[in-house]
Amino acid sequence: MGLDRQVAAILELGAKAGRPPYETLSPAQARRQYVETRLALQPPPAPVASVKDVAIAGAGGPLMLRFYRPRGAAPNALLPALVFFHGGGWVLGDLESHDALCRQLANDSQVAVVAVGYRLAPEHKFPAAFEDALLATRFVARQGAAHGIDIHRLAVGGDSAGGNLAAAVALAARDQGGPALGFQLLIYPVVDLGMGSDSFRRHGQGYFLTRPMMGWFIDHYAAPADRADWRASPLLAASLAGLPPALVVTAGFDPLVDEGEAFAKRLREEGGLADYICYGGMIHGFFNMAGGVATANRAIAHAGAALHQALWDQDEPAGR
């Protein structure tokens, strides 16, 4: 399948804009550029029933969580929830960068979404982001009822670096006594910091996320000695058995496509349930391009339907 026409036009416009690659910038400069450009392809924020920011005590100070209740949700209803970790290479991104996506996921799934403003690298190196992600998930599992959450129907998910954190949290929950999780939504996840898959050769230049950019993110996040740790590279975990069902989404022109596919394959081979879908004409980050890429809206709707089925339709809620 060839590159999607809308995506090709976006890449052409990006090349003409002449913005410096992230790997040539300092983290502070990269964050400024990210803020300046991140809204260009996002749709207007969709109305939802409510949005509430909550600060909890974290290892590095207050950890911000943002609770979204989907459009049409009754004020007092306990809703299943997706604990969501944003992408941005562990260096970029925040609660605002993925606000539109979280709203779409909430409305399309009729599930509450809890976005996590975890600590960023390089100021906070591995495993800080993972620790914040796990802490947030445990908070929702223990205190979520006070915020309208059915604590027996929980999922974790995220895009790119956020997918990495979600997969690692699911492994930790399996091995460390919970919380019980009913689903993983892994959107073009980073699952192996070794960058050794063939798709880095095929798509490592020219499709937004490049091999040098990915190396820049990883260098800021994790020291070489830490990169084989399963909390940094979930694909390298000794076992992927006993994990919650997953939807793994990849993009055909993404350097990460092979590792995402490999993760879904291992989940299935080790007895788990894993749906895998590759949007062949897409590039890394396309879920945040729903204002300019029609396929992004289709993919988000599919993810929302999978979330709804996993959390609303399950026979026996996780942990009950």
Protein backbone atom coordinates (compact mmCIF):
# COMPACT_ATOMS: atom_id res chain seq x y z
CA MET A 1 0.00 0.00 0.00
CA GLY A 2 1.29 3.43 -0.90
CA LEU A 3 1.51 6.50 1.27
CA ASP A 4 -1.87 8.08 1.94
CA ARG A 5 -2.40 11.20 -0.20
CA GLN A 6 -3.36 13.39 2.74
CA VAL A 7 -0.30 12.23 4.65
CA ALA A 8 1.95 12.84 1.63
CA ALA A 9 0.64 16.40 1.36
CA ILE A 10 1.34 16.97 5.06
CA LEU A 11 4.89 15.68 4.72
CA GLU A 12 5.44 17.94 1.71
CA LEU A 13 4.20 20.98 3.61
CA GLY A 14 6.42 20.06 6.54
CA ALA A 15 9.46 19.82 4.31
CA LYS A 16 8.70 23.24 2.79
CA ALA A 17 8.33 24.79 6.25
CA GLY A 18 11.99 24.04 6.91
CA ARG A 19 11.67 23.51 10.65
CA PRO A 20 14.81 22.06 12.21
CA PRO A 21 14.66 18.36 13.14
CA TYR A 22 14.14 17.73 16.82
CA GLU A 23 17.47 15.95 17.11
CA THR A 24 19.26 19.21 16.26
CA LEU A 25 17.54 21.07 19.11
CA SER A 26 17.82 21.16 22.86
CA PRO A 27 14.85 19.66 24.74
CA ALA A 28 13.65 23.17 25.63
CA GLN A 29 13.81 24.26 21.98
CA ALA A 30 12.10 21.07 20.84
CA ARG A 31 9.27 21.61 23.30
CA ARG A 32 8.72 25.15 22.05
CA GLN A 33 8.59 23.94 18.45
CA TYR A 34 6.25 21.11 19.43
CA VAL A 35 3.86 23.55 21.12
CA GLU A 36 3.94 25.82 18.06
CA THR A 37 3.06 23.03 15.63
CA ARG A 38 1.07 20.40 17.51
CA LEU A 39 -2.40 21.88 16.97
CA ALA A 40 -2.08 22.33 13.20
CA LEU A 41 -3.56 18.94 12.30
CA GLN A 42 -5.78 18.31 15.31
CA PRO A 43 -9.55 18.75 15.10
CA PRO A 44 -11.33 21.22 17.38
CA PRO A 45 -11.72 19.72 20.87
CA ALA A 46 -14.95 17.73 20.93
CA PRO A 47 -17.47 18.52 23.68
CA VAL A 48 -17.51 15.98 26.50
CA ALA A 49 -19.63 15.70 29.61
CA SER A 50 -16.90 17.00 31.90
CA VAL A 51 -13.16 17.53 32.27
CA LYS A 52 -11.52 17.66 35.68
CA ASP A 53 -7.86 18.04 36.65
CA VAL A 54 -6.68 16.28 39.80
CA ALA A 55 -3.23 16.49 41.39
CA ILE A 56 -1.92 13.51 43.32
CA ALA A 57 1.30 13.15 45.28
CA GLY A 58 4.10 11.83 43.07
CA ALA A 59 7.77 11.04 43.59
CA GLY A 60 8.73 14.28 41.84
CA GLY A 61 5.99 16.46 43.30
CA PRO A 62 2.35 16.82 42.20
CA LEU A 63 1.37 14.45 39.40
CA MET A 64 -1.47 15.82 37.29
CA LEU A 65 -4.30 13.63 36.07
CA ARG A 66 -7.08 14.81 33.77
CA PHE A 67 -10.42 13.00 33.98
CA TYR A 68 -12.66 13.07 30.88
CA ARG A 69 -16.24 11.85 31.02
CA PRO A 70 -17.74 11.13 27.60
CA ARG A 71 -20.55 13.10 26.05
CA GLY A 72 -23.92 11.87 27.32
CA ALA A 73 -22.60 10.19 30.47
CA ALA A 74 -24.90 10.50 33.47
CA PRO A 75 -23.30 12.66 36.19
CA ASN A 76 -23.41 9.97 38.87
CA ALA A 77 -22.71 6.90 36.74
CA LEU A 78 -19.60 4.83 37.44
CA LEU A 79 -17.80 4.45 34.14
CA PRO A 80 -15.07 2.10 32.95
CA ALA A 81 -11.83 3.99 32.43
CA LEU A 82 -8.78 4.11 30.19
CA VAL A 83 -5.64 5.39 31.92
CA PHE A 84 -3.89 7.14 29.03
CA PHE A 85 -0.21 8.06 28.62
CA HIS A 86 0.65 10.59 25.93
CA GLY A 87 3.37 10.20 23.34
CA GLY A 88 6.26 12.53 22.63
CA GLY A 89 9.35 10.38 23.07
CA TRP A 90 9.27 10.79 26.87
CA VAL A 91 10.63 14.32 26.20
CA LEU A 92 7.70 16.16 24.59
CA GLY A 93 3.97 16.27 25.17
CA ASP A 94 1.64 16.96 28.08
CA LEU A 95 -2.02 16.95 28.99
CA GLU A 96 -2.74 19.65 26.40
CA SER A 97 -0.99 17.99 23.46
CA HIS A 98 -3.36 15.01 23.54
CA ASP A 99 -6.51 16.75 24.75
CA ALA A 100 -8.35 16.39 21.43
CA LEU A 101 -7.42 12.71 21.14
CA CYS A 102 -8.52 11.93 24.69
CA ARG A 103 -11.86 13.61 24.04
CA GLN A 104 -12.38 11.59 20.87
CA LEU A 105 -11.47 8.33 22.59
CA ALA A 106 -13.83 9.07 25.47
CA ASN A 107 -16.76 9.87 23.19
CA ASP A 108 -16.14 7.01 20.77
CA SER A 109 -15.81 4.43 23.57
CA GLN A 110 -18.24 5.88 26.13
CA VAL A 111 -15.43 5.17 28.60
CA ALA A 112 -13.85 7.71 30.94
CA VAL A 113 -10.30 8.65 29.99
CA VAL A 114 -7.73 9.57 32.63
CA ALA A 115 -4.76 11.31 31.03
CA VAL A 116 -1.49 11.32 32.96
CA GLY A 117 0.98 14.22 32.99
CA TYR A 118 4.03 12.12 33.83
CA ARG A 119 7.54 13.52 34.34
CA LEU A 120 9.58 14.14 31.19
CA ALA A 121 13.18 13.40 30.25
CA PRO A 122 15.96 14.39 30.29
CA GLU A 123 15.19 16.22 33.53
CA HIS A 124 13.67 12.98 34.80
CA LYS A 125 15.36 9.94 33.29
CA PHE A 126 14.10 6.36 33.19
CA PRO A 127 12.35 4.97 35.18
CA ALA A 128 10.63 8.22 36.29
CA ALA A 129 7.96 8.20 33.57
CA PHE A 130 7.24 4.52 34.18
CA GLU A 131 6.97 5.08 37.94
CA ASP A 132 4.51 7.94 37.41
CA ALA A 133 2.47 5.84 34.99
CA LEU A 134 2.23 2.96 37.45
CA LEU A 135 1.43 5.29 40.34
CA ALA A 136 -1.37 6.94 38.36
CA THR A 137 -2.85 3.59 37.38
CA ARG A 138 -2.81 2.41 40.99
CA PHE A 139 -4.42 5.65 42.12
CA VAL A 140 -7.28 5.21 39.65
CA ALA A 141 -7.69 1.59 40.78
CA ARG A 142 -7.84 2.58 44.46
CA GLN A 143 -9.47 6.01 44.42
CA GLY A 144 -11.26 6.10 41.10
CA ALA A 145 -14.76 5.59 42.52
CA ALA A 146 -14.55 9.05 44.07
CA HIS A 147 -14.08 10.39 40.52
CA GLY A 148 -16.86 8.43 38.86
CA ILE A 149 -14.77 5.42 37.83
CA ASP A 150 -15.77 1.76 38.01
CA ILE A 151 -12.48 0.50 39.43
CA HIS A 152 -13.22 -3.06 38.28
CA ARG A 153 -13.22 -2.05 34.60
CA LEU A 154 -9.86 -0.47 33.82
CA ALA A 155 -7.58 -0.32 30.80
CA VAL A 156 -4.23 1.24 30.08
CA GLY A 157 -3.17 2.78 26.80
CA GLY A 158 -1.13 5.36 24.99
CA ASP A 159 0.55 6.34 21.77
CA SER A 160 4.26 5.89 20.96
CA ALA A 161 6.19 6.50 24.20
CA GLY A 162 2.81 6.37 25.93
CA GLY A 163 2.21 2.94 24.44
CA ASN A 164 5.58 1.93 25.85
CA LEU A 165 4.47 3.06 29.31
CA ALA A 166 1.11 1.29 29.00
CA ALA A 167 2.73 -2.01 28.04
CA ALA A 168 5.22 -1.72 30.90
CA VAL A 169 2.45 -0.88 33.40
CA ALA A 170 0.51 -3.96 32.28
CA LEU A 171 3.60 -6.12 32.92
CA ALA A 172 4.12 -4.56 36.34
CA ALA A 173 0.46 -5.02 37.25
CA ARG A 174 0.69 -8.70 36.30
CA ASP A 175 3.80 -9.29 38.39
CA GLN A 176 3.25 -6.96 41.35
CA GLY A 177 -0.24 -7.81 42.57
CA GLY A 178 -2.33 -5.59 40.36
CA PRO A 179 -4.23 -3.55 39.68
CA ALA A 180 -6.32 -5.91 37.57
CA LEU A 181 -6.60 -4.59 34.02
CA GLY A 182 -9.09 -5.52 31.35
CA PHE A 183 -7.41 -4.15 28.22
CA GLN A 184 -4.34 -2.55 26.65
CA LEU A 185 -4.62 0.02 23.85
CA LEU A 186 -1.16 0.27 22.29
CA ILE A 187 -0.94 2.87 19.52
CA TYR A 188 2.28 2.55 17.48
CA PRO A 189 4.09 1.69 20.72
CA VAL A 190 7.82 1.84 21.35
CA VAL A 191 8.54 -1.61 22.77
CA ASP A 192 12.25 -2.12 22.05
CA LEU A 193 14.76 0.69 22.62
CA GLY A 194 17.39 -1.19 20.62
CA MET A 195 16.07 0.20 17.30
CA GLY A 196 17.12 -3.04 15.62
CA SER A 197 14.04 -3.87 13.57
CA ASP A 198 14.13 -3.79 9.78
CA SER A 199 11.47 -1.08 9.61
CA PHE A 200 14.07 1.40 10.88
CA ARG A 201 15.94 0.69 7.65
CA ARG A 202 12.82 0.86 5.46
CA HIS A 203 11.21 3.94 7.01
CA GLY A 204 13.94 5.61 9.04
CA GLN A 205 13.97 8.74 6.87
CA GLY A 206 11.31 10.87 5.24
CA TYR A 207 8.21 9.90 7.22
CA PHE A 208 8.21 12.34 10.15
CA LEU A 209 9.69 10.04 12.81
CA THR A 210 13.23 9.30 11.70
CA ARG A 211 15.92 7.03 13.07
CA PRO A 212 18.04 10.00 14.26
CA MET A 213 15.00 11.53 15.99
CA MET A 214 14.15 8.27 17.72
CA GLY A 215 17.75 7.94 18.85
CA TRP A 216 17.60 11.48 20.26
CA PHE A 217 14.50 10.61 22.27
CA ILE A 218 15.99 7.39 23.60
CA ASP A 219 19.29 9.05 24.51
CA HIS A 220 17.42 11.60 26.59
CA TYR A 221 15.25 8.98 28.25
CA ALA A 222 17.34 5.94 29.11
CA ALA A 223 21.03 5.22 29.64
CA PRO A 224 22.41 2.41 27.46
CA ALA A 225 22.62 0.08 30.45
CA ASP A 226 18.88 0.52 31.11
CA ARG A 227 17.53 -0.05 27.61
CA ALA A 228 17.11 -3.83 27.88
CA ASP A 229 15.11 -3.48 31.11
CA TRP A 230 11.54 -4.69 30.46
CA ARG A 231 10.22 -1.42 31.91
CA ALA A 232 12.00 0.39 29.06
CA SER A 233 11.67 -2.33 26.39
CA PRO A 234 8.56 -4.41 27.09
CA LEU A 235 9.22 -6.61 24.05
CA LEU A 236 12.30 -7.93 25.86
CA ALA A 237 10.35 -9.11 28.92
CA ALA A 238 11.01 -12.76 29.72
CA SER A 239 7.31 -13.55 29.35
CA LEU A 240 4.29 -11.79 27.89
CA ALA A 241 1.91 -14.46 29.17
CA GLY A 242 -0.97 -13.53 31.43
CA LEU A 243 -1.39 -9.97 30.17
CA PRO A 244 -4.76 -8.34 29.47
CA PRO A 245 -6.22 -8.42 25.95
CA ALA A 246 -4.66 -5.87 23.63
CA LEU A 247 -5.30 -3.87 20.51
CA VAL A 248 -1.97 -3.02 18.89
CA VAL A 249 -2.16 -0.34 16.20
CA THR A 250 0.71 0.47 13.84
CA ALA A 251 1.35 2.64 10.80
CA GLY A 252 2.77 1.22 7.58
CA PHE A 253 5.42 3.92 7.07
CA ASP A 254 6.54 4.06 10.72
CA PRO A 255 10.02 2.93 11.83
CA LEU A 256 8.23 1.30 14.79
CA VAL A 257 5.88 -0.87 12.73
CA ASP A 258 7.93 -4.07 12.99
CA GLU A 259 8.32 -3.96 16.77
CA GLY A 260 4.62 -3.26 17.26
CA GLU A 261 3.75 -6.25 15.09
CA ALA A 262 6.31 -8.39 16.94
CA PHE A 263 4.76 -7.44 20.27
CA ALA A 264 1.27 -8.43 19.14
CA LYS A 265 2.64 -11.70 17.74
CA ARG A 266 4.36 -12.57 21.03
CA LEU A 267 1.22 -11.78 23.01
CA ARG A 268 -0.70 -14.27 20.88
CA GLU A 269 2.04 -16.89 20.85
CA GLU A 270 2.20 -16.81 24.65
CA GLY A 271 -1.51 -17.40 25.08
CA GLY A 272 -2.87 -13.88 25.14
CA LEU A 273 -5.56 -12.14 23.14
CA ALA A 274 -4.20 -9.49 20.79
CA ASP A 275 -5.83 -7.81 17.83
CA TYR A 276 -3.36 -6.20 15.46
CA ILE A 277 -4.12 -3.62 12.80
CA CYS A 278 -1.66 -1.80 10.57
CA TYR A 279 -2.93 1.29 8.75
CA GLY A 280 -0.78 0.83 5.71
CA GLY A 281 -0.68 4.35 4.29
CA MET A 282 -0.10 6.09 7.61
CA ILE A 283 2.94 7.51 9.41
CA HIS A 284 3.91 7.72 13.05
CA GLY A 285 1.73 10.14 15.00
CA PHE A 286 -1.30 9.94 12.72
CA PHE A 287 -3.78 9.65 15.62
CA ASN A 288 -2.95 13.31 16.36
CA MET A 289 -3.68 14.32 12.75
CA ALA A 290 -7.44 13.77 12.81
CA GLY A 291 -8.06 17.35 11.67
CA GLY A 292 -6.35 16.67 8.35
CA VAL A 293 -6.23 12.90 7.85
CA ALA A 294 -9.52 11.05 7.40
CA THR A 295 -8.03 7.67 8.28
CA ALA A 296 -7.06 8.99 11.71
CA ASN A 297 -10.72 9.46 12.61
CA ARG A 298 -11.50 5.95 11.40
CA ALA A 299 -8.64 4.54 13.48
CA ILE A 300 -9.70 6.42 16.61
CA ALA A 301 -13.28 5.22 16.17
CA HIS A 302 -12.01 1.64 15.83
CA ALA A 303 -9.92 2.01 19.00
CA GLY A 304 -12.93 3.45 20.80
CA ALA A 305 -15.13 0.55 19.72
CA ALA A 306 -12.50 -1.93 20.95
CA LEU A 307 -12.34 -0.14 24.29
CA HIS A 308 -16.11 -0.17 24.61
CA GLN A 309 -16.32 -3.88 23.85
CA ALA A 310 -13.49 -4.78 26.23
CA LEU A 311 -14.69 -2.73 29.19
CA TRP A 312 -18.46 -2.50 28.83
CA ASP A 313 -19.16 -5.94 27.40
CA GLN A 314 -16.82 -8.12 29.44
CA ASP A 315 -18.62 -10.95 31.22
CA GLU A 316 -16.73 -10.61 34.49
CA PRO A 317 -15.12 -7.28 35.38
CA ALA A 318 -11.40 -7.49 36.11
CA GLY A 319 -10.67 -7.91 39.78
CA ARG A 320 -14.27 -8.54 40.86
